[in-house]
Structure formats: structure tokens, C-alpha cells
PDB file of N, CA and C in Angstrom:
ATOM      1  N   MET A   1     -17.160  -8.020 -66.288  1.00  0.00           N
ATOM      2  CA  MET A   1     -16.211  -7.848 -65.220  1.00  0.00           C
ATOM      3  C   MET A   1     -14.983  -8.703 -65.523  1.00  0.00           C
ATOM      4  N   SER A   2     -13.818  -8.077 -65.631  1.00  0.00           N
ATOM      5  CA  SER A   2     -12.605  -8.818 -65.949  1.00  0.00           C
ATOM      6  C   SER A   2     -11.731  -8.975 -64.706  1.00  0.00           C
ATOM      7  N   LYS A   3     -11.005 -10.056 -64.679  1.00  0.00           N
ATOM      8  CA  LYS A   3     -10.137 -10.359 -63.541  1.00  0.00           C
ATOM      9  C   LYS A   3      -8.726  -9.869 -63.860  1.00  0.00           C
ATOM     10  N   VAL A   4      -8.091  -9.252 -62.893  1.00  0.00           N
ATOM     11  CA  VAL A   4      -6.725  -8.764 -63.058  1.00  0.00           C
ATOM     12  C   VAL A   4      -5.776  -9.902 -62.708  1.00  0.00           C
ATOM     13  N   ARG A   5      -4.842 -10.199 -63.618  1.00  0.00           N
ATOM     14  CA  ARG A   5      -3.853 -11.252 -63.387  1.00  0.00           C
ATOM     15  C   ARG A   5      -2.644 -10.678 -62.677  1.00  0.00           C
ATOM     16  N   ASN A   6      -2.136 -11.442 -61.724  1.00  0.00           N
ATOM     17  CA  ASN A   6      -0.884 -11.061 -61.074  1.00  0.00           C
ATOM     18  C   ASN A   6       0.272 -11.369 -62.015  1.00  0.00           C
ATOM     19  N   GLN A   7       1.257 -10.502 -62.006  1.00  0.00           N
ATOM     20  CA  GLN A   7       2.474 -10.761 -62.763  1.00  0.00           C
ATOM     21  C   GLN A   7       3.614 -10.844 -61.761  1.00  0.00           C
ATOM     22  N   PHE A   8       4.310 -11.973 -61.771  1.00  0.00           N
ATOM     23  CA  PHE A   8       5.374 -12.205 -60.816  1.00  0.00           C
ATOM     24  C   PHE A   8       6.724 -12.096 -61.505  1.00  0.00           C
ATOM     25  N   THR A   9       7.681 -11.523 -60.799  1.00  0.00           N
ATOM     26  CA  THR A   9       9.030 -11.399 -61.352  1.00  0.00           C
ATOM     27  C   THR A   9       9.720 -12.760 -61.309  1.00  0.00           C
ATOM     28  N   THR A  10      10.753 -12.884 -62.109  1.00  0.00           N
ATOM     29  CA  THR A  10      11.556 -14.106 -62.114  1.00  0.00           C
ATOM     30  C   THR A  10      12.154 -14.358 -60.739  1.00  0.00           C
ATOM     31  N   GLU A  11      12.579 -13.300 -60.082  1.00  0.00           N
ATOM     32  CA  GLU A  11      13.174 -13.437 -58.752  1.00  0.00           C
ATOM     33  C   GLU A  11      12.170 -13.982 -57.744  1.00  0.00           C
ATOM     34  N   PHE A  12      10.939 -13.523 -57.832  1.00  0.00           N
ATOM     35  CA  PHE A  12       9.898 -14.009 -56.925  1.00  0.00           C
ATOM     36  C   PHE A  12       9.633 -15.487 -57.168  1.00  0.00           C
ATOM     37  N   LYS A  13       9.556 -15.882 -58.426  1.00  0.00           N
ATOM     38  CA  LYS A  13       9.327 -17.285 -58.763  1.00  0.00           C
ATOM     39  C   LYS A  13      10.470 -18.150 -58.253  1.00  0.00           C
ATOM     40  N   GLN A  14      11.698 -17.666 -58.395  1.00  0.00           N
ATOM     41  CA  GLN A  14      12.861 -18.403 -57.909  1.00  0.00           C
ATOM     42  C   GLN A  14      12.807 -18.552 -56.393  1.00  0.00           C
ATOM     43  N   GLU A  15      12.382 -17.519 -55.711  1.00  0.00           N
ATOM     44  CA  GLU A  15      12.251 -17.569 -54.256  1.00  0.00           C
ATOM     45  C   GLU A  15      11.216 -18.610 -53.847  1.00  0.00           C
ATOM     46  N   CYS A  16      10.120 -18.668 -54.573  1.00  0.00           N
ATOM     47  CA  CYS A  16       9.078 -19.658 -54.293  1.00  0.00           C
ATOM     48  C   CYS A  16       9.616 -21.077 -54.486  1.00  0.00           C
ATOM     49  N   VAL A  17      10.279 -21.317 -55.594  1.00  0.00           N
ATOM     50  CA  VAL A  17      10.831 -22.639 -55.876  1.00  0.00           C
ATOM     51  C   VAL A  17      11.902 -22.993 -54.847  1.00  0.00           C
ATOM     52  N   ASN A  18      12.676 -22.014 -54.422  1.00  0.00           N
ATOM     53  CA  ASN A  18      13.707 -22.243 -53.417  1.00  0.00           C
ATOM     54  C   ASN A  18      13.120 -22.795 -52.120  1.00  0.00           C
ATOM     55  N   LEU A  19      11.953 -22.330 -51.743  1.00  0.00           N
ATOM     56  CA  LEU A  19      11.308 -22.850 -50.542  1.00  0.00           C
ATOM     57  C   LEU A  19      11.084 -24.354 -50.648  1.00  0.00           C
ATOM     58  N   VAL A  20      10.678 -24.793 -51.821  1.00  0.00           N
ATOM     59  CA  VAL A  20      10.365 -26.209 -52.030  1.00  0.00           C
ATOM     60  C   VAL A  20      11.642 -27.029 -52.199  1.00  0.00           C
ATOM     61  N   VAL A  21      12.541 -26.550 -53.034  1.00  0.00           N
ATOM     62  CA  VAL A  21      13.719 -27.327 -53.405  1.00  0.00           C
ATOM     63  C   VAL A  21      14.784 -27.343 -52.311  1.00  0.00           C
ATOM     64  N   ASN A  22      15.078 -26.199 -51.741  1.00  0.00           N
ATOM     65  CA  ASN A  22      16.205 -26.093 -50.823  1.00  0.00           C
ATOM     66  C   ASN A  22      15.827 -25.996 -49.351  1.00  0.00           C
ATOM     67  N   GLN A  23      14.610 -25.568 -49.063  1.00  0.00           N
ATOM     68  CA  GLN A  23      14.258 -25.344 -47.668  1.00  0.00           C
ATOM     69  C   GLN A  23      13.267 -26.364 -47.109  1.00  0.00           C
ATOM     70  N   GLY A  24      12.895 -27.330 -47.921  1.00  0.00           N
ATOM     71  CA  GLY A  24      12.081 -28.434 -47.428  1.00  0.00           C
ATOM     72  C   GLY A  24      10.593 -28.173 -47.265  1.00  0.00           C
ATOM     73  N   TYR A  25      10.095 -27.096 -47.820  1.00  0.00           N
ATOM     74  CA  TYR A  25       8.656 -26.836 -47.772  1.00  0.00           C
ATOM     75  C   TYR A  25       7.955 -27.773 -48.744  1.00  0.00           C
ATOM     76  N   GLY A  26       6.743 -28.147 -48.403  1.00  0.00           N
ATOM     77  CA  GLY A  26       5.889 -28.828 -49.358  1.00  0.00           C
ATOM     78  C   GLY A  26       5.293 -27.779 -50.298  1.00  0.00           C
ATOM     79  N   ILE A  27       4.786 -28.224 -51.418  1.00  0.00           N
ATOM     80  CA  ILE A  27       4.187 -27.289 -52.381  1.00  0.00           C
ATOM     81  C   ILE A  27       3.070 -26.483 -51.714  1.00  0.00           C
ATOM     82  N   ALA A  28       2.204 -27.163 -50.972  1.00  0.00           N
ATOM     83  CA  ALA A  28       1.073 -26.478 -50.322  1.00  0.00           C
ATOM     84  C   ALA A  28       1.563 -25.481 -49.277  1.00  0.00           C
ATOM     85  N   GLN A  29       2.592 -25.839 -48.531  1.00  0.00           N
ATOM     86  CA  GLN A  29       3.131 -24.926 -47.518  1.00  0.00           C
ATOM     87  C   GLN A  29       3.735 -23.688 -48.180  1.00  0.00           C
ATOM     88  N   ALA A  30       4.492 -23.885 -49.250  1.00  0.00           N
ATOM     89  CA  ALA A  30       5.111 -22.761 -49.948  1.00  0.00           C
ATOM     90  C   ALA A  30       4.047 -21.859 -50.562  1.00  0.00           C
ATOM     91  N   THR A  31       3.001 -22.469 -51.082  1.00  0.00           N
ATOM     92  CA  THR A  31       1.896 -21.713 -51.661  1.00  0.00           C
ATOM     93  C   THR A  31       1.268 -20.794 -50.617  1.00  0.00           C
ATOM     94  N   SER A  32       1.042 -21.332 -49.456  1.00  0.00           N
ATOM     95  CA  SER A  32       0.453 -20.553 -48.369  1.00  0.00           C
ATOM     96  C   SER A  32       1.403 -19.450 -47.903  1.00  0.00           C
ATOM     97  N   ALA A  33       2.675 -19.796 -47.752  1.00  0.00           N
ATOM     98  CA  ALA A  33       3.662 -18.827 -47.266  1.00  0.00           C
ATOM     99  C   ALA A  33       3.842 -17.655 -48.227  1.00  0.00           C
ATOM    100  N   MET A  34       3.802 -17.940 -49.523  1.00  0.00           N
ATOM    101  CA  MET A  34       4.051 -16.900 -50.524  1.00  0.00           C
ATOM    102  C   MET A  34       2.763 -16.296 -51.085  1.00  0.00           C
ATOM    103  N   GLN A  35       1.630 -16.845 -50.676  1.00  0.00           N
ATOM    104  CA  GLN A  35       0.313 -16.353 -51.096  1.00  0.00           C
ATOM    105  C   GLN A  35       0.146 -16.339 -52.620  1.00  0.00           C
ATOM    106  N   VAL A  36       0.413 -17.497 -53.216  1.00  0.00           N
ATOM    107  CA  VAL A  36       0.195 -17.668 -54.652  1.00  0.00           C
ATOM    108  C   VAL A  36      -0.697 -18.884 -54.867  1.00  0.00           C
ATOM    109  N   ALA A  37      -1.212 -19.025 -56.054  1.00  0.00           N
ATOM    110  CA  ALA A  37      -2.081 -20.149 -56.375  1.00  0.00           C
ATOM    111  C   ALA A  37      -1.277 -21.447 -56.442  1.00  0.00           C
ATOM    112  N   LEU A  38      -1.910 -22.521 -56.040  1.00  0.00           N
ATOM    113  CA  LEU A  38      -1.274 -23.831 -56.067  1.00  0.00           C
ATOM    114  C   LEU A  38      -0.807 -24.180 -57.474  1.00  0.00           C
ATOM    115  N   SER A  39      -1.628 -23.900 -58.466  1.00  0.00           N
ATOM    116  CA  SER A  39      -1.264 -24.234 -59.848  1.00  0.00           C
ATOM    117  C   SER A  39      -0.019 -23.475 -60.306  1.00  0.00           C
ATOM    118  N   SER A  40       0.131 -22.250 -59.849  1.00  0.00           N
ATOM    119  CA  SER A  40       1.324 -21.469 -60.204  1.00  0.00           C
ATOM    120  C   SER A  40       2.572 -22.095 -59.595  1.00  0.00           C
ATOM    121  N   MET A  41       2.490 -22.429 -58.315  1.00  0.00           N
ATOM    122  CA  MET A  41       3.634 -23.021 -57.631  1.00  0.00           C
ATOM    123  C   MET A  41       4.015 -24.354 -58.277  1.00  0.00           C
ATOM    124  N   GLN A  42       3.027 -25.164 -58.607  1.00  0.00           N
ATOM    125  CA  GLN A  42       3.294 -26.445 -59.263  1.00  0.00           C
ATOM    126  C   GLN A  42       3.965 -26.235 -60.615  1.00  0.00           C
ATOM    127  N   ARG A  43       3.497 -25.260 -61.368  1.00  0.00           N
ATOM    128  CA  ARG A  43       4.074 -24.976 -62.685  1.00  0.00           C
ATOM    129  C   ARG A  43       5.524 -24.525 -62.558  1.00  0.00           C
ATOM    130  N   TRP A  44       5.790 -23.603 -61.625  1.00  0.00           N
ATOM    131  CA  TRP A  44       7.144 -23.094 -61.446  1.00  0.00           C
ATOM    132  C   TRP A  44       8.094 -24.190 -60.995  1.00  0.00           C
ATOM    133  N   ALA A  45       7.641 -25.048 -60.085  1.00  0.00           N
ATOM    134  CA  ALA A  45       8.483 -26.152 -59.620  1.00  0.00           C
ATOM    135  C   ALA A  45       8.750 -27.133 -60.754  1.00  0.00           C
ATOM    136  N   GLY A  46       7.732 -27.406 -61.558  1.00  0.00           N
ATOM    137  CA  GLY A  46       7.907 -28.293 -62.724  1.00  0.00           C
ATOM    138  C   GLY A  46       8.873 -27.716 -63.733  1.00  0.00           C
ATOM    139  N   GLN A  47       8.765 -26.439 -63.987  1.00  0.00           N
ATOM    140  CA  GLN A  47       9.675 -25.783 -64.928  1.00  0.00           C
ATOM    141  C   GLN A  47      11.105 -25.850 -64.419  1.00  0.00           C
ATOM    142  N   TYR A  48      11.283 -25.651 -63.123  1.00  0.00           N
ATOM    143  CA  TYR A  48      12.615 -25.731 -62.525  1.00  0.00           C
ATOM    144  C   TYR A  48      13.195 -27.130 -62.721  1.00  0.00           C
ATOM    145  N   LYS A  49      12.393 -28.150 -62.448  1.00  0.00           N
ATOM    146  CA  LYS A  49      12.862 -29.533 -62.588  1.00  0.00           C
ATOM    147  C   LYS A  49      13.262 -29.835 -64.026  1.00  0.00           C
ATOM    148  N   GLN A  50      12.532 -29.286 -64.990  1.00  0.00           N
ATOM    149  CA  GLN A  50      12.867 -29.495 -66.404  1.00  0.00           C
ATOM    150  C   GLN A  50      14.176 -28.796 -66.773  1.00  0.00           C
ATOM    151  N   GLU A  51      14.407 -27.643 -66.182  1.00  0.00           N
ATOM    152  CA  GLU A  51      15.610 -26.867 -66.489  1.00  0.00           C
ATOM    153  C   GLU A  51      16.886 -27.509 -65.953  1.00  0.00           C
ATOM    154  N   ILE A  52      16.778 -28.209 -64.822  1.00  0.00           N
ATOM    155  CA  ILE A  52      17.989 -28.770 -64.224  1.00  0.00           C
ATOM    156  C   ILE A  52      18.346 -30.132 -64.792  1.00  0.00           C
ATOM    157  N   LYS A  53      17.518 -30.701 -65.633  1.00  0.00           N
ATOM    158  CA  LYS A  53      17.815 -32.015 -66.252  1.00  0.00           C
ATOM    159  C   LYS A  53      18.965 -31.907 -67.195  1.00  0.00           C
TER     160      LYS A  53
END
């Protein structure tokens, strides 16, 4: 039995990060609001922080 992976668009990832960076959501709150895994949200936020350096 294989698990199907979700594939998210760049725009969706940006929207998720926007919740954390610009709208004051915590990572856990944004994860719940967007219905994605915590590890995904953490990775996307980390990638964003690396890009803006």
C-alpha cells in the first residue's frame, strides 16, 4: 500500500508563509488553518528565511 504525496504550488506555499511572516500566525496556527503538515510549514518558513538573507 503506497501513500499519495500532496504536491503544493509555489503560490500556496507563499500563502502559507505569508500567514506566519506578515499576518502574525504561529507555525501551528498556520498549519491548522491551511491543513498542511507541521514539518512542511516549518520547512517552507525556513526556506523563506534563508532566501531573504
